[in-house]
Structure formats: C-alpha cells, structure tokens
Amino acid sequence: MRIIMVLVKGGWLMLPILISSLIAIAIIIDRYIVIRKSRLNVPAFLVKVRGMLREGKIDSAIEFCKDEKTPAAYIVRKGLRKYHLGHDRVKEAIETAGKQEITRLEKGLSVLATISGIAPLLGFLGTVTGMISAFMRIEDLQGAANPSDLAGGIWEALITTAFGLAVGIIAYAFYNYLVAGIKKLVVEMEVISNDVVDTLEEYNRSKKG
C-alpha cells in the first residue's frame, strides 16, 4: 500500500512511466519465451538433415523440418520446397525466409529500446515540473517558506526520476540480453542454412557423376 501511495505522490508523469514499465515487462516475457522455443540442437539437427539429403530424401527432410518448429528448421524447409526449381531458387528461398524469421524474432525490441531511453527522460521531466511547483510555492509564501514547506514537494518530484531510471535501466539490460540471444540464433540459422545448401550441392554433383 505504501508503494502505491508513493507512486501517487509522484504526480501525473508516474502514469506514463508505469504504463511503459508494464509494456516493457510484457515484451521481455514474450521475447524470452520466443527465443527459448527457437533454440535448436544444431549438431543433431544437421546430422539428421545431412543424412536425408545425401540419400536424396528431400520430402523426408521437409517433414522432419516441419516437426521441429524452430526458425532454423522453417528456413531449411522453405529452401527444400524449392529444390526442384534449382540451386539458386533454394538459396533465394532460404534468404527470404531468414529475413522473415529475424523480423519475427526482433518484434517489439525497438519498443523496448525506446522505453529504455524515454523512461528516464520522463522521470527527469517529472523532477523539473516538481521543482517548478516548489519554487511557485516559495513565491506564494513570499519567500517566507521554511524547509518543511519545500521538502515534501521536492522528494515527491524526485520519485519520478528514481522510478524512471529504474525502468530505463531494467529495460536496457533486458534489451541487450535479448539482442544477444537473437544474434546467437541468427548465427545458428546461417550455419545450418549454409550447410544444407552445400549438402544439396554435393548431392547434385554426385547424382550427375
């Protein structure tokens, strides 16, 4: 209850900061779940797909990727579906699917980055408006204000800065954490995609030979 009272005393600027914090929490939880579900055992996946492709079991590889339900498997599946159209079309399909998956993984991160920058600024704005109110109080009292007349208004103004900084720091920390997780997934997708393209090329050469 005391926390709610403190937030209320912070003034109207506490509302957008609070809303920003709730949005940030929602994005963090959502992206964390998505990244966790997108993880893949790369070596085991490649061994399985390589074996199928070297035997020419393209349809089996597509079904295997469909069951995996990860971004890397989705990209490979998109590429293999274009196998009958030639090597270049496979690469093009993989690149297009890769861009789509990266966009999906990064959904909401720009908002999180914006919150990490705006929340502290909203806090500082609240402090400035609070200080203005304090000086207006001094003017109303014609300079006869004592410290107790001003202390309440000043600490209430500083609440917005503290809360805004807390939201900004947490949002920025999780933004970097999520970006690092997505970068790792992107590297894995590139490794898997390149390996699949090379394996298909080897299979085509052996078939021609």
N, C-alpha and C. Protein backbone atom coordinates (compact mmCIF):
# COMPACT_ATOMS: atom_id res chain seq x y z
N MET A 1 0.82 -1.20 0.00
CA MET A 1 0.00 0.00 0.00
C MET A 1 0.86 1.26 0.00
N ARG A 2 1.97 1.22 0.77
CA ARG A 2 2.86 2.38 0.83
C ARG A 2 3.47 2.67 -0.55
N ILE A 3 3.78 1.60 -1.30
CA ILE A 3 4.35 1.79 -2.64
C ILE A 3 3.36 2.52 -3.54
N ILE A 4 2.08 2.13 -3.45
CA ILE A 4 1.04 2.78 -4.26
C ILE A 4 0.93 4.26 -3.88
N MET A 5 1.00 4.53 -2.57
CA MET A 5 0.92 5.94 -2.11
C MET A 5 2.09 6.75 -2.66
N VAL A 6 3.28 6.13 -2.67
CA VAL A 6 4.47 6.82 -3.19
C VAL A 6 4.31 7.11 -4.67
N LEU A 7 3.79 6.12 -5.43
CA LEU A 7 3.59 6.31 -6.86
C LEU A 7 2.58 7.42 -7.13
N VAL A 8 1.53 7.46 -6.32
CA VAL A 8 0.52 8.51 -6.49
C VAL A 8 1.11 9.89 -6.21
N LYS A 9 1.94 9.98 -5.19
CA LYS A 9 2.54 11.26 -4.83
C LYS A 9 3.53 11.75 -5.89
N GLY A 10 3.98 10.85 -6.74
CA GLY A 10 4.94 11.24 -7.78
C GLY A 10 4.35 12.13 -8.85
N GLY A 11 3.03 12.22 -8.92
CA GLY A 11 2.41 13.10 -9.90
C GLY A 11 1.93 12.36 -11.14
N TRP A 12 1.35 13.12 -12.05
CA TRP A 12 0.74 12.52 -13.24
C TRP A 12 1.75 11.87 -14.18
N LEU A 13 3.01 12.31 -14.14
CA LEU A 13 4.02 11.71 -15.01
C LEU A 13 4.38 10.28 -14.60
N MET A 14 3.98 9.88 -13.40
CA MET A 14 4.20 8.50 -12.99
C MET A 14 3.35 7.54 -13.81
N LEU A 15 2.23 8.03 -14.33
CA LEU A 15 1.33 7.17 -15.11
C LEU A 15 1.99 6.68 -16.41
N PRO A 16 2.53 7.58 -17.26
CA PRO A 16 3.19 7.07 -18.47
C PRO A 16 4.41 6.20 -18.16
N ILE A 17 5.12 6.51 -17.08
CA ILE A 17 6.27 5.69 -16.71
C ILE A 17 5.80 4.30 -16.30
N LEU A 18 4.70 4.24 -15.53
CA LEU A 18 4.15 2.95 -15.11
C LEU A 18 3.66 2.15 -16.30
N ILE A 19 2.97 2.82 -17.24
CA ILE A 19 2.50 2.13 -18.45
C ILE A 19 3.69 1.60 -19.25
N SER A 20 4.73 2.41 -19.36
CA SER A 20 5.94 1.98 -20.08
C SER A 20 6.56 0.74 -19.44
N SER A 21 6.56 0.72 -18.10
CA SER A 21 7.14 -0.44 -17.40
C SER A 21 6.33 -1.70 -17.66
N LEU A 22 5.00 -1.58 -17.72
CA LEU A 22 4.16 -2.74 -17.98
C LEU A 22 4.36 -3.26 -19.42
N ILE A 23 4.49 -2.33 -20.36
CA ILE A 23 4.75 -2.71 -21.75
C ILE A 23 6.10 -3.41 -21.86
N ALA A 24 7.10 -2.87 -21.18
CA ALA A 24 8.44 -3.45 -21.20
C ALA A 24 8.43 -4.87 -20.63
N ILE A 25 7.73 -5.06 -19.52
CA ILE A 25 7.64 -6.40 -18.92
C ILE A 25 6.98 -7.39 -19.88
N ALA A 26 5.91 -6.94 -20.54
CA ALA A 26 5.21 -7.82 -21.49
C ALA A 26 6.13 -8.22 -22.65
N ILE A 27 6.87 -7.27 -23.18
CA ILE A 27 7.78 -7.55 -24.29
C ILE A 27 8.90 -8.48 -23.86
N ILE A 28 9.46 -8.23 -22.68
CA ILE A 28 10.56 -9.06 -22.17
C ILE A 28 10.12 -10.52 -22.02
N ILE A 29 8.96 -10.72 -21.39
CA ILE A 29 8.46 -12.09 -21.19
C ILE A 29 8.18 -12.77 -22.53
N ASP A 30 7.52 -12.03 -23.44
CA ASP A 30 7.16 -12.59 -24.75
C ASP A 30 8.40 -12.98 -25.55
N ARG A 31 9.38 -12.08 -25.63
CA ARG A 31 10.60 -12.37 -26.41
C ARG A 31 11.43 -13.48 -25.78
N TYR A 32 11.45 -13.53 -24.44
CA TYR A 32 12.20 -14.59 -23.76
C TYR A 32 11.62 -15.96 -24.11
N ILE A 33 10.29 -16.06 -24.10
CA ILE A 33 9.63 -17.33 -24.44
C ILE A 33 9.90 -17.71 -25.88
N VAL A 34 9.82 -16.71 -26.79
CA VAL A 34 10.05 -16.98 -28.22
C VAL A 34 11.48 -17.46 -28.46
N ILE A 35 12.45 -16.78 -27.85
CA ILE A 35 13.85 -17.16 -28.03
C ILE A 35 14.12 -18.55 -27.46
N ARG A 36 13.53 -18.83 -26.31
CA ARG A 36 13.74 -20.14 -25.69
C ARG A 36 13.18 -21.26 -26.57
N LYS A 37 12.00 -21.03 -27.16
CA LYS A 37 11.39 -22.04 -28.02
C LYS A 37 12.13 -22.18 -29.35
N SER A 38 12.90 -21.15 -29.72
CA SER A 38 13.59 -21.15 -31.01
C SER A 38 14.94 -21.86 -30.97
N ARG A 39 15.38 -22.23 -29.77
CA ARG A 39 16.68 -22.90 -29.65
C ARG A 39 16.62 -24.29 -30.25
N LEU A 40 17.76 -24.70 -30.82
CA LEU A 40 17.82 -25.97 -31.54
C LEU A 40 19.16 -26.65 -31.28
N ASN A 41 19.13 -27.97 -31.19
CA ASN A 41 20.37 -28.74 -31.09
C ASN A 41 20.97 -28.82 -32.49
N VAL A 42 21.85 -27.87 -32.79
CA VAL A 42 22.37 -27.73 -34.15
C VAL A 42 23.08 -28.98 -34.66
N PRO A 43 24.06 -29.52 -33.93
CA PRO A 43 24.75 -30.72 -34.44
C PRO A 43 23.82 -31.88 -34.76
N ALA A 44 22.89 -32.18 -33.83
CA ALA A 44 21.96 -33.30 -34.04
C ALA A 44 21.05 -33.03 -35.24
N PHE A 45 20.60 -31.77 -35.37
CA PHE A 45 19.72 -31.41 -36.49
C PHE A 45 20.44 -31.57 -37.82
N LEU A 46 21.69 -31.10 -37.89
CA LEU A 46 22.45 -31.18 -39.13
C LEU A 46 22.76 -32.63 -39.52
N VAL A 47 23.10 -33.45 -38.52
CA VAL A 47 23.39 -34.85 -38.81
C VAL A 47 22.17 -35.53 -39.44
N LYS A 48 21.00 -35.25 -38.87
CA LYS A 48 19.78 -35.86 -39.37
C LYS A 48 19.45 -35.37 -40.79
N VAL A 49 19.52 -34.06 -41.00
CA VAL A 49 19.17 -33.50 -42.31
C VAL A 49 20.20 -33.91 -43.36
N ARG A 50 21.47 -33.86 -43.01
CA ARG A 50 22.51 -34.27 -43.96
C ARG A 50 22.27 -35.70 -44.45
N GLY A 51 21.97 -36.59 -43.52
CA GLY A 51 21.75 -37.99 -43.89
C GLY A 51 20.62 -38.15 -44.89
N MET A 52 19.54 -37.41 -44.66
CA MET A 52 18.39 -37.49 -45.58
C MET A 52 18.72 -36.92 -46.95
N LEU A 53 19.42 -35.76 -46.96
CA LEU A 53 19.72 -35.10 -48.23
C LEU A 53 20.71 -35.91 -49.06
N ARG A 54 21.68 -36.54 -48.42
CA ARG A 54 22.67 -37.34 -49.15
C ARG A 54 22.06 -38.59 -49.76
N GLU A 55 20.92 -39.00 -49.21
CA GLU A 55 20.20 -40.15 -49.77
C GLU A 55 19.11 -39.70 -50.75
N GLY A 56 19.00 -38.38 -50.92
CA GLY A 56 18.01 -37.85 -51.86
C GLY A 56 16.60 -37.83 -51.31
N LYS A 57 16.45 -37.97 -49.99
CA LYS A 57 15.12 -37.98 -49.37
C LYS A 57 14.70 -36.55 -49.02
N ILE A 58 14.41 -35.79 -50.04
CA ILE A 58 14.04 -34.38 -49.86
C ILE A 58 12.72 -34.24 -49.10
N ASP A 59 11.75 -35.05 -49.48
CA ASP A 59 10.44 -34.97 -48.82
C ASP A 59 10.53 -35.34 -47.34
N SER A 60 11.35 -36.33 -47.03
CA SER A 60 11.53 -36.74 -45.63
C SER A 60 12.18 -35.61 -44.83
N ALA A 61 13.14 -34.92 -45.45
CA ALA A 61 13.82 -33.80 -44.78
C ALA A 61 12.83 -32.66 -44.53
N ILE A 62 11.95 -32.42 -45.48
CA ILE A 62 10.94 -31.36 -45.33
C ILE A 62 10.00 -31.69 -44.17
N GLU A 63 9.56 -32.95 -44.08
CA GLU A 63 8.68 -33.36 -42.99
C GLU A 63 9.39 -33.28 -41.64
N PHE A 64 10.66 -33.65 -41.63
CA PHE A 64 11.44 -33.57 -40.39
C PHE A 64 11.54 -32.12 -39.91
N CYS A 65 11.81 -31.20 -40.84
CA CYS A 65 11.90 -29.77 -40.50
C CYS A 65 10.56 -29.23 -40.05
N LYS A 66 9.49 -29.75 -40.64
CA LYS A 66 8.14 -29.30 -40.25
C LYS A 66 7.84 -29.66 -38.80
N ASP A 67 8.34 -30.82 -38.36
CA ASP A 67 8.09 -31.27 -36.98
C ASP A 67 8.92 -30.51 -35.96
N GLU A 68 10.06 -29.94 -36.37
CA GLU A 68 10.96 -29.26 -35.44
C GLU A 68 10.37 -27.95 -34.90
N LYS A 69 9.68 -27.20 -35.74
CA LYS A 69 9.01 -25.96 -35.33
C LYS A 69 9.97 -24.93 -34.71
N THR A 70 11.11 -24.72 -35.35
CA THR A 70 12.05 -23.68 -34.94
C THR A 70 12.36 -22.81 -36.16
N PRO A 71 12.87 -21.58 -35.96
CA PRO A 71 13.18 -20.72 -37.10
C PRO A 71 14.15 -21.37 -38.10
N ALA A 72 15.19 -22.03 -37.58
CA ALA A 72 16.18 -22.66 -38.47
C ALA A 72 15.53 -23.76 -39.30
N ALA A 73 14.69 -24.58 -38.68
CA ALA A 73 14.00 -25.65 -39.41
C ALA A 73 13.04 -25.08 -40.44
N TYR A 74 12.37 -23.98 -40.08
CA TYR A 74 11.45 -23.33 -41.01
C TYR A 74 12.19 -22.82 -42.26
N ILE A 75 13.36 -22.23 -42.05
CA ILE A 75 14.15 -21.71 -43.16
C ILE A 75 14.59 -22.84 -44.09
N VAL A 76 15.08 -23.92 -43.50
CA VAL A 76 15.52 -25.06 -44.31
C VAL A 76 14.35 -25.65 -45.08
N ARG A 77 13.21 -25.76 -44.42
CA ARG A 77 12.01 -26.31 -45.08
C ARG A 77 11.60 -25.46 -46.28
N LYS A 78 11.64 -24.14 -46.12
CA LYS A 78 11.30 -23.25 -47.23
C LYS A 78 12.25 -23.44 -48.41
N GLY A 79 13.53 -23.61 -48.09
CA GLY A 79 14.51 -23.81 -49.15
C GLY A 79 14.33 -25.13 -49.87
N LEU A 80 14.10 -26.21 -49.10
CA LEU A 80 13.96 -27.54 -49.70
C LEU A 80 12.73 -27.65 -50.58
N ARG A 81 11.71 -26.87 -50.27
CA ARG A 81 10.50 -26.90 -51.10
C ARG A 81 10.75 -26.33 -52.50
N LYS A 82 11.83 -25.57 -52.66
CA LYS A 82 12.18 -25.01 -53.97
C LYS A 82 13.27 -25.83 -54.65
N TYR A 83 13.55 -27.01 -54.12
CA TYR A 83 14.65 -27.82 -54.65
C TYR A 83 14.49 -28.13 -56.14
N HIS A 84 13.26 -28.44 -56.54
CA HIS A 84 13.01 -28.81 -57.94
C HIS A 84 13.19 -27.63 -58.90
N LEU A 85 13.31 -26.40 -58.36
CA LEU A 85 13.48 -25.21 -59.21
C LEU A 85 14.95 -24.83 -59.39
N GLY A 86 15.83 -25.54 -58.72
CA GLY A 86 17.26 -25.27 -58.92
C GLY A 86 17.95 -24.69 -57.69
N HIS A 87 19.26 -24.72 -57.74
CA HIS A 87 20.10 -24.30 -56.61
C HIS A 87 19.88 -22.83 -56.23
N ASP A 88 19.79 -21.97 -57.23
CA ASP A 88 19.64 -20.53 -56.96
C ASP A 88 18.31 -20.23 -56.26
N ARG A 89 17.27 -20.91 -56.66
CA ARG A 89 15.96 -20.68 -56.04
C ARG A 89 15.94 -21.16 -54.59
N VAL A 90 16.70 -22.24 -54.32
CA VAL A 90 16.81 -22.73 -52.94
C VAL A 90 17.47 -21.67 -52.06
N LYS A 91 18.58 -21.11 -52.53
CA LYS A 91 19.29 -20.08 -51.78
C LYS A 91 18.42 -18.85 -51.58
N GLU A 92 17.69 -18.47 -52.63
CA GLU A 92 16.83 -17.29 -52.54
C GLU A 92 15.71 -17.50 -51.53
N ALA A 93 15.12 -18.70 -51.53
CA ALA A 93 14.04 -19.02 -50.58
C ALA A 93 14.56 -19.01 -49.15
N ILE A 94 15.76 -19.53 -48.94
CA ILE A 94 16.36 -19.56 -47.60
C ILE A 94 16.64 -18.15 -47.11
N GLU A 95 17.18 -17.30 -47.99
CA GLU A 95 17.47 -15.92 -47.60
C GLU A 95 16.20 -15.15 -47.25
N THR A 96 15.16 -15.34 -48.06
CA THR A 96 13.89 -14.65 -47.80
C THR A 96 13.27 -15.11 -46.49
N ALA A 97 13.26 -16.42 -46.28
CA ALA A 97 12.70 -16.97 -45.04
C ALA A 97 13.53 -16.51 -43.83
N GLY A 98 14.85 -16.42 -44.02
CA GLY A 98 15.72 -15.96 -42.94
C GLY A 98 15.40 -14.54 -42.51
N LYS A 99 15.17 -13.67 -43.48
CA LYS A 99 14.82 -12.28 -43.17
C LYS A 99 13.48 -12.21 -42.42
N GLN A 100 12.54 -13.04 -42.85
CA GLN A 100 11.23 -13.06 -42.19
C GLN A 100 11.35 -13.51 -40.74
N GLU A 101 12.17 -14.53 -40.51
CA GLU A 101 12.34 -15.06 -39.15
C GLU A 101 13.07 -14.08 -38.24
N ILE A 102 14.05 -13.38 -38.79
CA ILE A 102 14.77 -12.38 -37.99
C ILE A 102 13.82 -11.25 -37.59
N THR A 103 12.99 -10.83 -38.54
CA THR A 103 12.00 -9.79 -38.24
C THR A 103 11.04 -10.25 -37.15
N ARG A 104 10.62 -11.51 -37.22
CA ARG A 104 9.70 -12.05 -36.22
C ARG A 104 10.37 -12.12 -34.84
N LEU A 105 11.65 -12.52 -34.82
CA LEU A 105 12.37 -12.62 -33.55
C LEU A 105 12.58 -11.25 -32.91
N GLU A 106 12.78 -10.23 -33.75
CA GLU A 106 13.07 -8.88 -33.24
C GLU A 106 11.81 -8.07 -32.95
N LYS A 107 10.65 -8.67 -33.11
CA LYS A 107 9.40 -7.96 -32.88
C LYS A 107 9.33 -7.40 -31.46
N GLY A 108 9.08 -6.11 -31.35
CA GLY A 108 8.93 -5.48 -30.04
C GLY A 108 10.22 -4.94 -29.44
N LEU A 109 11.36 -5.34 -29.98
CA LEU A 109 12.64 -4.88 -29.40
C LEU A 109 12.85 -3.38 -29.59
N SER A 110 12.38 -2.83 -30.70
CA SER A 110 12.52 -1.40 -30.92
C SER A 110 11.71 -0.62 -29.88
N VAL A 111 10.55 -1.16 -29.51
CA VAL A 111 9.73 -0.53 -28.46
C VAL A 111 10.44 -0.59 -27.13
N LEU A 112 11.06 -1.74 -26.83
CA LEU A 112 11.79 -1.91 -25.58
C LEU A 112 12.97 -0.94 -25.51
N ALA A 113 13.67 -0.77 -26.64
CA ALA A 113 14.79 0.17 -26.68
C ALA A 113 14.30 1.61 -26.46
N THR A 114 13.15 1.93 -27.04
CA THR A 114 12.57 3.27 -26.87
C THR A 114 12.21 3.52 -25.41
N ILE A 115 11.63 2.52 -24.77
CA ILE A 115 11.26 2.66 -23.36
C ILE A 115 12.50 2.87 -22.50
N SER A 116 13.58 2.16 -22.80
CA SER A 116 14.81 2.30 -22.01
C SER A 116 15.37 3.71 -22.10
N GLY A 117 15.07 4.42 -23.19
CA GLY A 117 15.54 5.79 -23.34
C GLY A 117 14.56 6.84 -22.85
N ILE A 118 13.26 6.56 -23.03
CA ILE A 118 12.24 7.55 -22.69
C ILE A 118 11.92 7.56 -21.19
N ALA A 119 11.90 6.40 -20.54
CA ALA A 119 11.52 6.33 -19.13
C ALA A 119 12.36 7.26 -18.24
N PRO A 120 13.70 7.24 -18.36
CA PRO A 120 14.48 8.18 -17.54
C PRO A 120 14.18 9.64 -17.86
N LEU A 121 13.93 9.94 -19.14
CA LEU A 121 13.62 11.32 -19.53
C LEU A 121 12.29 11.77 -18.93
N LEU A 122 11.31 10.88 -18.90
CA LEU A 122 10.04 11.20 -18.26
C LEU A 122 10.25 11.45 -16.77
N GLY A 123 11.14 10.67 -16.17
CA GLY A 123 11.46 10.87 -14.76
C GLY A 123 12.08 12.23 -14.50
N PHE A 124 13.02 12.61 -15.35
CA PHE A 124 13.65 13.93 -15.21
C PHE A 124 12.64 15.05 -15.42
N LEU A 125 11.73 14.84 -16.37
CA LEU A 125 10.69 15.84 -16.62
C LEU A 125 9.82 16.01 -15.38
N GLY A 126 9.50 14.89 -14.73
CA GLY A 126 8.71 14.97 -13.51
C GLY A 126 9.42 15.73 -12.41
N THR A 127 10.74 15.55 -12.33
CA THR A 127 11.51 16.29 -11.33
C THR A 127 11.51 17.78 -11.63
N VAL A 128 11.67 18.12 -12.90
CA VAL A 128 11.68 19.53 -13.29
C VAL A 128 10.34 20.19 -12.97
N THR A 129 9.25 19.51 -13.33
CA THR A 129 7.93 20.09 -13.04
C THR A 129 7.70 20.19 -11.53
N GLY A 130 8.23 19.21 -10.78
CA GLY A 130 8.10 19.26 -9.33
C GLY A 130 8.88 20.42 -8.73
N MET A 131 10.07 20.67 -9.26
CA MET A 131 10.87 21.79 -8.77
C MET A 131 10.20 23.12 -9.11
N ILE A 132 9.59 23.18 -10.28
CA ILE A 132 8.85 24.39 -10.65
C ILE A 132 7.74 24.65 -9.64
N SER A 133 7.02 23.57 -9.28
CA SER A 133 5.94 23.71 -8.29
C SER A 133 6.49 24.18 -6.94
N ALA A 134 7.68 23.67 -6.58
CA ALA A 134 8.28 24.07 -5.30
C ALA A 134 8.62 25.56 -5.30
N PHE A 135 9.17 26.05 -6.39
CA PHE A 135 9.52 27.47 -6.48
C PHE A 135 8.26 28.35 -6.54
N MET A 136 7.23 27.83 -7.16
CA MET A 136 5.96 28.57 -7.16
C MET A 136 5.41 28.66 -5.74
N ARG A 137 5.64 27.60 -4.95
CA ARG A 137 5.22 27.61 -3.54
C ARG A 137 5.98 28.69 -2.76
N ILE A 138 7.28 28.81 -3.07
CA ILE A 138 8.08 29.86 -2.42
C ILE A 138 7.53 31.24 -2.76
N GLU A 139 7.15 31.40 -4.03
CA GLU A 139 6.61 32.69 -4.46
C GLU A 139 5.29 32.99 -3.76
N ASP A 140 4.44 31.94 -3.61
CA ASP A 140 3.15 32.13 -2.95
C ASP A 140 3.33 32.54 -1.49
N LEU A 141 4.38 32.00 -0.87
CA LEU A 141 4.64 32.32 0.54
C LEU A 141 5.51 33.58 0.68
N GLN A 142 5.77 34.22 -0.47
CA GLN A 142 6.54 35.48 -0.50
C GLN A 142 7.92 35.33 0.16
N GLY A 143 8.54 34.18 -0.13
CA GLY A 143 9.89 33.97 0.36
C GLY A 143 9.99 33.54 1.80
N ALA A 144 8.86 33.38 2.47
CA ALA A 144 8.88 33.02 3.90
C ALA A 144 8.74 31.52 4.11
N ALA A 145 8.99 30.72 3.06
CA ALA A 145 8.85 29.27 3.17
C ALA A 145 9.98 28.70 4.01
N ASN A 146 9.64 27.72 4.85
CA ASN A 146 10.67 27.01 5.62
C ASN A 146 10.94 25.67 4.96
N PRO A 147 12.02 24.97 5.33
CA PRO A 147 12.38 23.70 4.68
C PRO A 147 11.25 22.68 4.65
N SER A 148 10.44 22.63 5.69
CA SER A 148 9.35 21.65 5.72
C SER A 148 8.30 21.93 4.66
N ASP A 149 8.16 23.19 4.26
CA ASP A 149 7.20 23.54 3.21
C ASP A 149 7.64 23.03 1.84
N LEU A 150 8.95 22.88 1.68
CA LEU A 150 9.51 22.50 0.38
C LEU A 150 9.92 21.04 0.29
N ALA A 151 10.29 20.47 1.45
CA ALA A 151 10.84 19.12 1.43
C ALA A 151 9.89 18.11 0.80
N GLY A 152 8.60 18.20 1.18
CA GLY A 152 7.63 17.25 0.63
C GLY A 152 7.54 17.32 -0.87
N GLY A 153 7.44 18.53 -1.39
CA GLY A 153 7.33 18.69 -2.84
C GLY A 153 8.57 18.23 -3.58
N ILE A 154 9.74 18.45 -2.99
CA ILE A 154 10.99 18.08 -3.67
C ILE A 154 11.15 16.57 -3.71
N TRP A 155 10.91 15.89 -2.56
CA TRP A 155 11.11 14.43 -2.59
C TRP A 155 10.06 13.74 -3.45
N GLU A 156 8.88 14.34 -3.50
CA GLU A 156 7.86 13.79 -4.40
C GLU A 156 8.29 13.94 -5.86
N ALA A 157 8.94 15.05 -6.17
CA ALA A 157 9.40 15.27 -7.54
C ALA A 157 10.51 14.29 -7.90
N LEU A 158 11.37 13.97 -6.93
CA LEU A 158 12.49 13.06 -7.19
C LEU A 158 12.03 11.61 -7.37
N ILE A 159 10.83 11.29 -6.91
CA ILE A 159 10.31 9.92 -7.07
C ILE A 159 10.25 9.56 -8.56
N THR A 160 9.81 10.51 -9.39
CA THR A 160 9.68 10.23 -10.82
C THR A 160 11.03 9.90 -11.44
N THR A 161 12.08 10.63 -11.01
CA THR A 161 13.42 10.35 -11.54
C THR A 161 13.87 8.96 -11.14
N ALA A 162 13.70 8.61 -9.87
CA ALA A 162 14.12 7.29 -9.39
C ALA A 162 13.38 6.18 -10.12
N PHE A 163 12.06 6.33 -10.26
CA PHE A 163 11.26 5.30 -10.90
C PHE A 163 11.58 5.23 -12.40
N GLY A 164 11.74 6.38 -13.03
CA GLY A 164 12.07 6.41 -14.46
C GLY A 164 13.42 5.77 -14.74
N LEU A 165 14.41 6.06 -13.90
CA LEU A 165 15.73 5.46 -14.06
C LEU A 165 15.69 3.95 -13.86
N ALA A 166 14.92 3.51 -12.86
CA ALA A 166 14.81 2.07 -12.60
C ALA A 166 14.22 1.34 -13.81
N VAL A 167 13.14 1.90 -14.36
CA VAL A 167 12.50 1.29 -15.53
C VAL A 167 13.46 1.29 -16.73
N GLY A 168 14.15 2.42 -16.94
CA GLY A 168 15.06 2.53 -18.06
C GLY A 168 16.22 1.56 -17.97
N ILE A 169 16.81 1.44 -16.78
CA ILE A 169 17.96 0.54 -16.60
C ILE A 169 17.56 -0.91 -16.83
N ILE A 170 16.45 -1.31 -16.24
CA ILE A 170 15.99 -2.70 -16.40
C ILE A 170 15.65 -3.00 -17.86
N ALA A 171 14.96 -2.07 -18.52
CA ALA A 171 14.58 -2.26 -19.93
C ALA A 171 15.83 -2.36 -20.81
N TYR A 172 16.82 -1.52 -20.54
CA TYR A 172 18.05 -1.53 -21.35
C TYR A 172 18.83 -2.82 -21.15
N ALA A 173 18.90 -3.28 -19.89
CA ALA A 173 19.63 -4.52 -19.60
C ALA A 173 18.99 -5.71 -20.32
N PHE A 174 17.68 -5.81 -20.25
CA PHE A 174 16.99 -6.93 -20.91
C PHE A 174 17.03 -6.79 -22.43
N TYR A 175 17.03 -5.55 -22.92
CA TYR A 175 17.14 -5.34 -24.37
C TYR A 175 18.45 -5.94 -24.88
N ASN A 176 19.55 -5.64 -24.19
CA ASN A 176 20.85 -6.19 -24.60
C ASN A 176 20.88 -7.71 -24.48
N TYR A 177 20.26 -8.22 -23.43
CA TYR A 177 20.21 -9.68 -23.23
C TYR A 177 19.45 -10.36 -24.38
N LEU A 178 18.32 -9.79 -24.75
CA LEU A 178 17.50 -10.37 -25.81
C LEU A 178 18.18 -10.25 -27.17
N VAL A 179 18.83 -9.11 -27.41
CA VAL A 179 19.55 -8.92 -28.68
C VAL A 179 20.67 -9.95 -28.81
N ALA A 180 21.38 -10.20 -27.71
CA ALA A 180 22.46 -11.19 -27.73
C ALA A 180 21.89 -12.58 -28.04
N GLY A 181 20.74 -12.90 -27.45
CA GLY A 181 20.12 -14.19 -27.71
C GLY A 181 19.69 -14.34 -29.17
N ILE A 182 19.16 -13.27 -29.74
CA ILE A 182 18.73 -13.31 -31.14
C ILE A 182 19.93 -13.42 -32.08
N LYS A 183 21.01 -12.72 -31.76
CA LYS A 183 22.23 -12.81 -32.58
C LYS A 183 22.76 -14.24 -32.62
N LYS A 184 22.70 -14.91 -31.48
CA LYS A 184 23.15 -16.30 -31.42
C LYS A 184 22.28 -17.18 -32.31
N LEU A 185 20.96 -16.96 -32.27
CA LEU A 185 20.06 -17.72 -33.12
C LEU A 185 20.32 -17.46 -34.61
N VAL A 186 20.61 -16.20 -34.94
CA VAL A 186 20.87 -15.84 -36.33
C VAL A 186 22.12 -16.54 -36.84
N VAL A 187 23.16 -16.58 -36.00
CA VAL A 187 24.40 -17.28 -36.39
C VAL A 187 24.12 -18.76 -36.63
N GLU A 188 23.32 -19.37 -35.75
CA GLU A 188 22.97 -20.78 -35.91
C GLU A 188 22.19 -21.00 -37.20
N MET A 189 21.27 -20.08 -37.52
CA MET A 189 20.49 -20.20 -38.75
C MET A 189 21.39 -20.11 -39.98
N GLU A 190 22.38 -19.22 -39.93
CA GLU A 190 23.31 -19.08 -41.05
C GLU A 190 24.15 -20.34 -41.23
N VAL A 191 24.62 -20.90 -40.12
CA VAL A 191 25.43 -22.13 -40.18
C VAL A 191 24.62 -23.27 -40.78
N ILE A 192 23.41 -23.44 -40.29
CA ILE A 192 22.55 -24.53 -40.77
C ILE A 192 22.19 -24.33 -42.24
N SER A 193 21.84 -23.11 -42.61
CA SER A 193 21.45 -22.82 -44.00
C SER A 193 22.60 -23.10 -44.96
N ASN A 194 23.79 -22.61 -44.62
CA ASN A 194 24.96 -22.83 -45.48
C ASN A 194 25.28 -24.31 -45.60
N ASP A 195 25.16 -25.03 -44.49
CA ASP A 195 25.46 -26.46 -44.51
C ASP A 195 24.47 -27.21 -45.40
N VAL A 196 23.20 -26.85 -45.30
CA VAL A 196 22.17 -27.51 -46.12
C VAL A 196 22.39 -27.23 -47.61
N VAL A 197 22.71 -25.98 -47.94
CA VAL A 197 22.97 -25.61 -49.34
C VAL A 197 24.17 -26.38 -49.88
N ASP A 198 25.23 -26.48 -49.08
CA ASP A 198 26.43 -27.22 -49.50
C ASP A 198 26.12 -28.70 -49.67
N THR A 199 25.34 -29.26 -48.77
CA THR A 199 24.98 -30.68 -48.85
C THR A 199 24.16 -30.96 -50.10
N LEU A 200 23.24 -30.07 -50.43
CA LEU A 200 22.44 -30.22 -51.65
C LEU A 200 23.32 -30.15 -52.90
N GLU A 201 24.31 -29.24 -52.87
CA GLU A 201 25.23 -29.12 -53.99
C GLU A 201 26.05 -30.40 -54.17
N GLU A 202 26.50 -30.96 -53.06
CA GLU A 202 27.26 -32.22 -53.13
C GLU A 202 26.39 -33.36 -53.68
N TYR A 203 25.14 -33.40 -53.24
CA TYR A 203 24.23 -34.44 -53.71
C TYR A 203 23.98 -34.30 -55.21
N ASN A 204 23.78 -33.07 -55.67
CA ASN A 204 23.53 -32.85 -57.10
C ASN A 204 24.74 -33.25 -57.94
N ARG A 205 25.94 -32.95 -57.45
CA ARG A 205 27.15 -33.31 -58.18
C ARG A 205 27.33 -34.82 -58.24
N SER A 206 27.08 -35.48 -57.11
CA SER A 206 27.22 -36.94 -57.08
C SER A 206 26.19 -37.59 -58.00
N LYS A 207 25.00 -36.99 -58.07
CA LYS A 207 23.94 -37.54 -58.93
C LYS A 207 24.32 -37.39 -60.40
N LYS A 208 24.92 -36.25 -60.73
CA LYS A 208 25.36 -36.03 -62.12
C LYS A 208 26.51 -36.96 -62.46
N GLY A 209 27.40 -37.17 -61.47
CA GLY A 209 28.55 -38.04 -61.71
C GLY A 209 28.11 -39.47 -61.93
